[in-house]
C-alpha cells in the first residue's frame, strides 16, 4: 500500500483543485462518495479503492488538460476529495 500512497503524493494538480478538495475532505463520508463514484454494492478496501480512484482521476485530469467537452470540474473535485479521504483512512488503519 505504500506504493499507492507514494503515487498519490507525486500527483501534481492545479492549486485551486487541491484547495477545493482539501476543504471538501473535511466532510468526506466514505459510503456516500464511493457509492456516487463506484455505484452501489460492497465497496473495496481502502488501498484498492484508492488505486481505482487514482485511475479514474488520471483519465479525468487528461480530459481537463485536453479541454474535452466531457470534463466536469465538480466530478474532478469530488474524485480528489475521495482520494484524500481514502488516503487518510488507509494511513489511520495502518497505525492501528
N, C-alpha and C. Protein backbone atom coordinates (compact mmCIF):
# COMPACT_ATOMS: atom_id res chain seq x y z
N UNK A 1 0.81 -1.19 0.00
CA UNK A 1 0.00 0.00 0.00
C UNK A 1 0.86 1.27 0.00
N UNK A 2 2.11 1.12 0.40
CA UNK A 2 3.00 2.27 0.38
C UNK A 2 3.12 2.83 -1.03
N UNK A 3 3.09 1.95 -2.02
CA UNK A 3 3.21 2.36 -3.41
C UNK A 3 2.05 3.27 -3.82
N UNK A 4 0.84 2.94 -3.42
CA UNK A 4 -0.32 3.75 -3.79
C UNK A 4 -0.26 5.12 -3.10
N UNK A 5 0.21 5.16 -1.88
CA UNK A 5 0.37 6.45 -1.19
C UNK A 5 1.48 7.29 -1.82
N UNK A 6 2.52 6.63 -2.28
CA UNK A 6 3.61 7.34 -2.97
C UNK A 6 3.10 7.92 -4.28
N UNK A 7 2.33 7.12 -5.03
CA UNK A 7 1.76 7.62 -6.29
C UNK A 7 0.87 8.83 -6.04
N UNK A 8 0.11 8.78 -4.97
CA UNK A 8 -0.77 9.90 -4.64
C UNK A 8 0.04 11.15 -4.30
N UNK A 9 1.11 10.98 -3.55
CA UNK A 9 1.92 12.13 -3.15
C UNK A 9 2.66 12.76 -4.34
N UNK A 10 2.84 12.00 -5.40
CA UNK A 10 3.56 12.51 -6.57
C UNK A 10 2.66 13.21 -7.57
N UNK A 11 1.35 13.17 -7.37
CA UNK A 11 0.43 13.84 -8.28
C UNK A 11 0.63 15.35 -8.21
N UNK A 12 0.60 15.99 -9.35
CA UNK A 12 0.69 17.45 -9.42
C UNK A 12 -0.55 17.97 -10.13
N UNK A 13 -1.35 18.72 -9.39
CA UNK A 13 -2.60 19.26 -9.91
C UNK A 13 -2.65 20.75 -9.61
N UNK A 14 -3.50 21.49 -10.33
CA UNK A 14 -3.62 22.92 -10.05
C UNK A 14 -3.99 23.20 -8.60
N UNK A 15 -3.40 24.24 -8.07
CA UNK A 15 -3.55 24.58 -6.66
C UNK A 15 -5.02 24.76 -6.26
N UNK A 16 -5.81 25.36 -7.13
CA UNK A 16 -7.21 25.60 -6.82
C UNK A 16 -7.99 24.28 -6.65
N UNK A 17 -7.69 23.30 -7.50
CA UNK A 17 -8.33 21.99 -7.36
C UNK A 17 -7.99 21.35 -6.02
N UNK A 18 -6.73 21.42 -5.65
CA UNK A 18 -6.28 20.81 -4.39
C UNK A 18 -6.89 21.53 -3.20
N UNK A 19 -6.94 22.84 -3.25
CA UNK A 19 -7.54 23.60 -2.14
C UNK A 19 -9.01 23.26 -1.98
N UNK A 20 -9.73 23.16 -3.09
CA UNK A 20 -11.15 22.81 -3.03
C UNK A 20 -11.33 21.41 -2.46
N UNK A 21 -10.49 20.48 -2.89
CA UNK A 21 -10.59 19.11 -2.39
C UNK A 21 -10.26 19.03 -0.90
N UNK A 22 -9.26 19.76 -0.46
CA UNK A 22 -8.92 19.76 0.96
C UNK A 22 -10.06 20.30 1.81
N UNK A 23 -10.71 21.34 1.31
CA UNK A 23 -11.85 21.90 2.04
C UNK A 23 -12.99 20.89 2.10
N UNK A 24 -13.22 20.17 1.01
CA UNK A 24 -14.29 19.18 0.98
C UNK A 24 -13.96 17.91 1.73
N UNK A 25 -12.69 17.62 1.89
CA UNK A 25 -12.27 16.38 2.56
C UNK A 25 -12.73 16.33 4.01
N UNK A 26 -12.93 17.48 4.60
CA UNK A 26 -13.40 17.54 5.98
C UNK A 26 -14.76 16.85 6.11
N UNK A 27 -15.56 16.95 5.07
CA UNK A 27 -16.91 16.37 5.06
C UNK A 27 -16.96 15.02 4.36
N UNK A 28 -15.84 14.34 4.16
CA UNK A 28 -15.82 13.06 3.44
C UNK A 28 -16.61 12.00 4.18
N UNK A 29 -17.57 11.42 3.49
CA UNK A 29 -18.36 10.30 4.01
C UNK A 29 -18.15 9.15 3.02
N UNK A 30 -17.40 8.17 3.44
CA UNK A 30 -16.94 7.10 2.54
C UNK A 30 -18.08 6.46 1.76
N UNK A 31 -19.11 6.04 2.45
CA UNK A 31 -20.20 5.34 1.78
C UNK A 31 -20.85 6.19 0.70
N UNK A 32 -21.12 7.43 1.01
CA UNK A 32 -21.77 8.32 0.04
C UNK A 32 -20.87 8.61 -1.17
N UNK A 33 -19.62 8.93 -0.91
CA UNK A 33 -18.71 9.26 -2.01
C UNK A 33 -18.45 8.05 -2.90
N UNK A 34 -18.15 6.91 -2.30
CA UNK A 34 -17.83 5.73 -3.11
C UNK A 34 -19.05 5.22 -3.86
N UNK A 35 -20.22 5.33 -3.28
CA UNK A 35 -21.44 4.93 -3.98
C UNK A 35 -21.63 5.81 -5.22
N UNK A 36 -21.39 7.08 -5.06
CA UNK A 36 -21.52 8.01 -6.18
C UNK A 36 -20.49 7.72 -7.28
N UNK A 37 -19.28 7.32 -6.88
CA UNK A 37 -18.20 7.11 -7.85
C UNK A 37 -18.14 5.69 -8.40
N UNK A 38 -18.45 4.70 -7.58
CA UNK A 38 -18.33 3.29 -7.99
C UNK A 38 -19.67 2.60 -8.18
N UNK A 39 -20.75 3.22 -7.74
CA UNK A 39 -22.05 2.56 -7.79
C UNK A 39 -22.35 1.86 -6.48
N UNK A 40 -23.52 1.28 -6.41
CA UNK A 40 -23.91 0.61 -5.16
C UNK A 40 -23.23 -0.74 -5.06
N UNK A 41 -23.33 -1.31 -3.91
CA UNK A 41 -22.68 -2.60 -3.66
C UNK A 41 -21.60 -2.45 -2.61
N UNK A 42 -20.91 -3.55 -2.38
CA UNK A 42 -19.84 -3.54 -1.39
C UNK A 42 -18.65 -2.75 -1.92
N UNK A 43 -18.15 -1.86 -1.12
CA UNK A 43 -17.03 -1.03 -1.52
C UNK A 43 -15.70 -1.74 -1.24
N UNK A 44 -14.70 -1.49 -2.09
CA UNK A 44 -13.39 -2.12 -1.89
C UNK A 44 -12.69 -1.57 -0.65
N UNK A 45 -11.68 -2.27 -0.23
CA UNK A 45 -10.87 -1.81 0.90
C UNK A 45 -10.16 -0.52 0.51
N UNK A 46 -9.62 0.16 1.49
CA UNK A 46 -9.03 1.48 1.27
C UNK A 46 -7.98 1.51 0.17
N UNK A 47 -7.03 0.58 0.20
CA UNK A 47 -5.96 0.57 -0.80
C UNK A 47 -6.47 0.34 -2.21
N UNK A 48 -7.37 -0.61 -2.36
CA UNK A 48 -7.94 -0.90 -3.68
C UNK A 48 -8.80 0.26 -4.16
N UNK A 49 -9.58 0.83 -3.24
CA UNK A 49 -10.40 1.99 -3.61
C UNK A 49 -9.53 3.13 -4.07
N UNK A 50 -8.45 3.37 -3.37
CA UNK A 50 -7.55 4.46 -3.73
C UNK A 50 -6.90 4.22 -5.09
N UNK A 51 -6.53 2.99 -5.38
CA UNK A 51 -5.96 2.65 -6.68
C UNK A 51 -6.96 2.92 -7.80
N UNK A 52 -8.20 2.52 -7.59
CA UNK A 52 -9.24 2.76 -8.59
C UNK A 52 -9.53 4.25 -8.75
N UNK A 53 -9.55 4.97 -7.65
CA UNK A 53 -9.80 6.40 -7.70
C UNK A 53 -8.69 7.13 -8.46
N UNK A 54 -7.45 6.72 -8.24
CA UNK A 54 -6.32 7.33 -8.94
C UNK A 54 -6.46 7.12 -10.45
N UNK A 55 -6.88 5.94 -10.86
CA UNK A 55 -7.06 5.66 -12.28
C UNK A 55 -8.17 6.53 -12.87
N UNK A 56 -9.28 6.65 -12.15
CA UNK A 56 -10.39 7.49 -12.62
C UNK A 56 -9.95 8.95 -12.72
N UNK A 57 -9.23 9.40 -11.71
CA UNK A 57 -8.80 10.80 -11.67
C UNK A 57 -7.79 11.09 -12.78
N UNK A 58 -6.94 10.14 -13.07
CA UNK A 58 -5.95 10.31 -14.13
C UNK A 58 -6.65 10.55 -15.48
N UNK A 59 -7.67 9.76 -15.76
CA UNK A 59 -8.43 9.94 -17.00
C UNK A 59 -9.14 11.29 -17.01
N UNK A 60 -9.70 11.67 -15.89
CA UNK A 60 -10.39 12.95 -15.80
C UNK A 60 -9.41 14.11 -15.94
N UNK A 61 -8.23 13.97 -15.37
CA UNK A 61 -7.22 15.02 -15.49
C UNK A 61 -6.76 15.17 -16.94
N UNK A 62 -6.67 14.06 -17.64
CA UNK A 62 -6.31 14.12 -19.06
C UNK A 62 -7.38 14.87 -19.85
N UNK A 63 -8.64 14.64 -19.51
CA UNK A 63 -9.73 15.37 -20.16
C UNK A 63 -9.63 16.87 -19.86
N UNK A 64 -9.25 17.20 -18.63
CA UNK A 64 -9.06 18.61 -18.26
C UNK A 64 -7.97 19.25 -19.08
N UNK A 65 -6.85 18.55 -19.20
CA UNK A 65 -5.70 19.12 -19.91
C UNK A 65 -5.96 19.27 -21.40
N UNK A 66 -6.76 18.39 -21.98
CA UNK A 66 -7.03 18.46 -23.41
C UNK A 66 -8.23 19.35 -23.73
N UNK A 67 -8.93 19.81 -22.70
CA UNK A 67 -10.08 20.68 -22.93
C UNK A 67 -11.31 19.93 -23.43
N UNK A 68 -11.43 18.66 -23.08
CA UNK A 68 -12.56 17.85 -23.53
C UNK A 68 -13.89 18.42 -23.03
N UNK A 69 -14.89 18.36 -23.87
CA UNK A 69 -16.21 18.87 -23.50
C UNK A 69 -16.83 18.05 -22.38
N UNK A 70 -16.40 16.81 -22.22
CA UNK A 70 -16.96 15.94 -21.19
C UNK A 70 -16.38 16.21 -19.80
N UNK A 71 -15.36 17.06 -19.71
CA UNK A 71 -14.72 17.33 -18.42
C UNK A 71 -15.68 18.03 -17.47
N UNK A 72 -15.68 17.55 -16.22
CA UNK A 72 -16.52 18.14 -15.18
C UNK A 72 -15.63 18.53 -13.99
N UNK A 73 -15.57 19.81 -13.71
CA UNK A 73 -14.80 20.30 -12.57
C UNK A 73 -15.36 19.73 -11.27
N UNK A 74 -16.67 19.67 -11.16
CA UNK A 74 -17.30 19.15 -9.94
C UNK A 74 -16.93 17.69 -9.73
N UNK A 75 -16.97 16.91 -10.79
CA UNK A 75 -16.59 15.50 -10.68
C UNK A 75 -15.12 15.36 -10.30
N UNK A 76 -14.28 16.23 -10.84
CA UNK A 76 -12.85 16.18 -10.55
C UNK A 76 -12.59 16.47 -9.06
N UNK A 77 -13.21 17.50 -8.55
CA UNK A 77 -13.05 17.83 -7.13
C UNK A 77 -13.59 16.69 -6.27
N UNK A 78 -14.73 16.12 -6.66
CA UNK A 78 -15.31 15.01 -5.90
C UNK A 78 -14.36 13.81 -5.86
N UNK A 79 -13.72 13.52 -6.98
CA UNK A 79 -12.74 12.44 -7.02
C UNK A 79 -11.54 12.73 -6.13
N UNK A 80 -11.05 13.96 -6.18
CA UNK A 80 -9.92 14.33 -5.34
C UNK A 80 -10.27 14.26 -3.86
N UNK A 81 -11.49 14.65 -3.51
CA UNK A 81 -11.94 14.53 -2.12
C UNK A 81 -11.91 13.07 -1.69
N UNK A 82 -12.45 12.20 -2.52
CA UNK A 82 -12.47 10.77 -2.20
C UNK A 82 -11.05 10.22 -2.09
N UNK A 83 -10.16 10.64 -2.97
CA UNK A 83 -8.78 10.18 -2.90
C UNK A 83 -8.12 10.60 -1.60
N UNK A 84 -8.30 11.85 -1.22
CA UNK A 84 -7.72 12.33 0.04
C UNK A 84 -8.33 11.62 1.24
N UNK A 85 -9.63 11.44 1.21
CA UNK A 85 -10.31 10.76 2.30
C UNK A 85 -9.85 9.33 2.45
N UNK A 86 -9.74 8.61 1.34
CA UNK A 86 -9.29 7.22 1.39
C UNK A 86 -7.84 7.12 1.83
N UNK A 87 -7.01 8.06 1.42
CA UNK A 87 -5.61 8.06 1.85
C UNK A 87 -5.52 8.26 3.36
N UNK A 88 -6.34 9.16 3.90
CA UNK A 88 -6.35 9.36 5.35
C UNK A 88 -6.83 8.11 6.08
N UNK A 89 -7.87 7.48 5.56
CA UNK A 89 -8.38 6.26 6.20
C UNK A 89 -7.37 5.12 6.10
N UNK A 90 -6.68 5.01 4.97
CA UNK A 90 -5.66 3.97 4.82
C UNK A 90 -4.52 4.18 5.80
N UNK A 91 -4.06 5.41 5.94
CA UNK A 91 -2.97 5.69 6.88
C UNK A 91 -3.42 5.44 8.31
N UNK A 92 -4.64 5.80 8.65
CA UNK A 92 -5.15 5.57 10.00
C UNK A 92 -5.28 4.08 10.29
N UNK A 93 -5.70 3.29 9.31
CA UNK A 93 -5.87 1.85 9.53
C UNK A 93 -4.52 1.16 9.69
N UNK A 94 -3.49 1.71 9.09
CA UNK A 94 -2.16 1.11 9.20
C UNK A 94 -1.53 1.40 10.55
N UNK A 95 -1.97 2.47 11.22
CA UNK A 95 -1.42 2.83 12.53
C UNK A 95 -2.07 2.06 13.66
N UNK A 96 -3.23 1.46 13.40
CA UNK A 96 -3.93 0.71 14.46
C UNK A 96 -3.47 -0.70 14.56
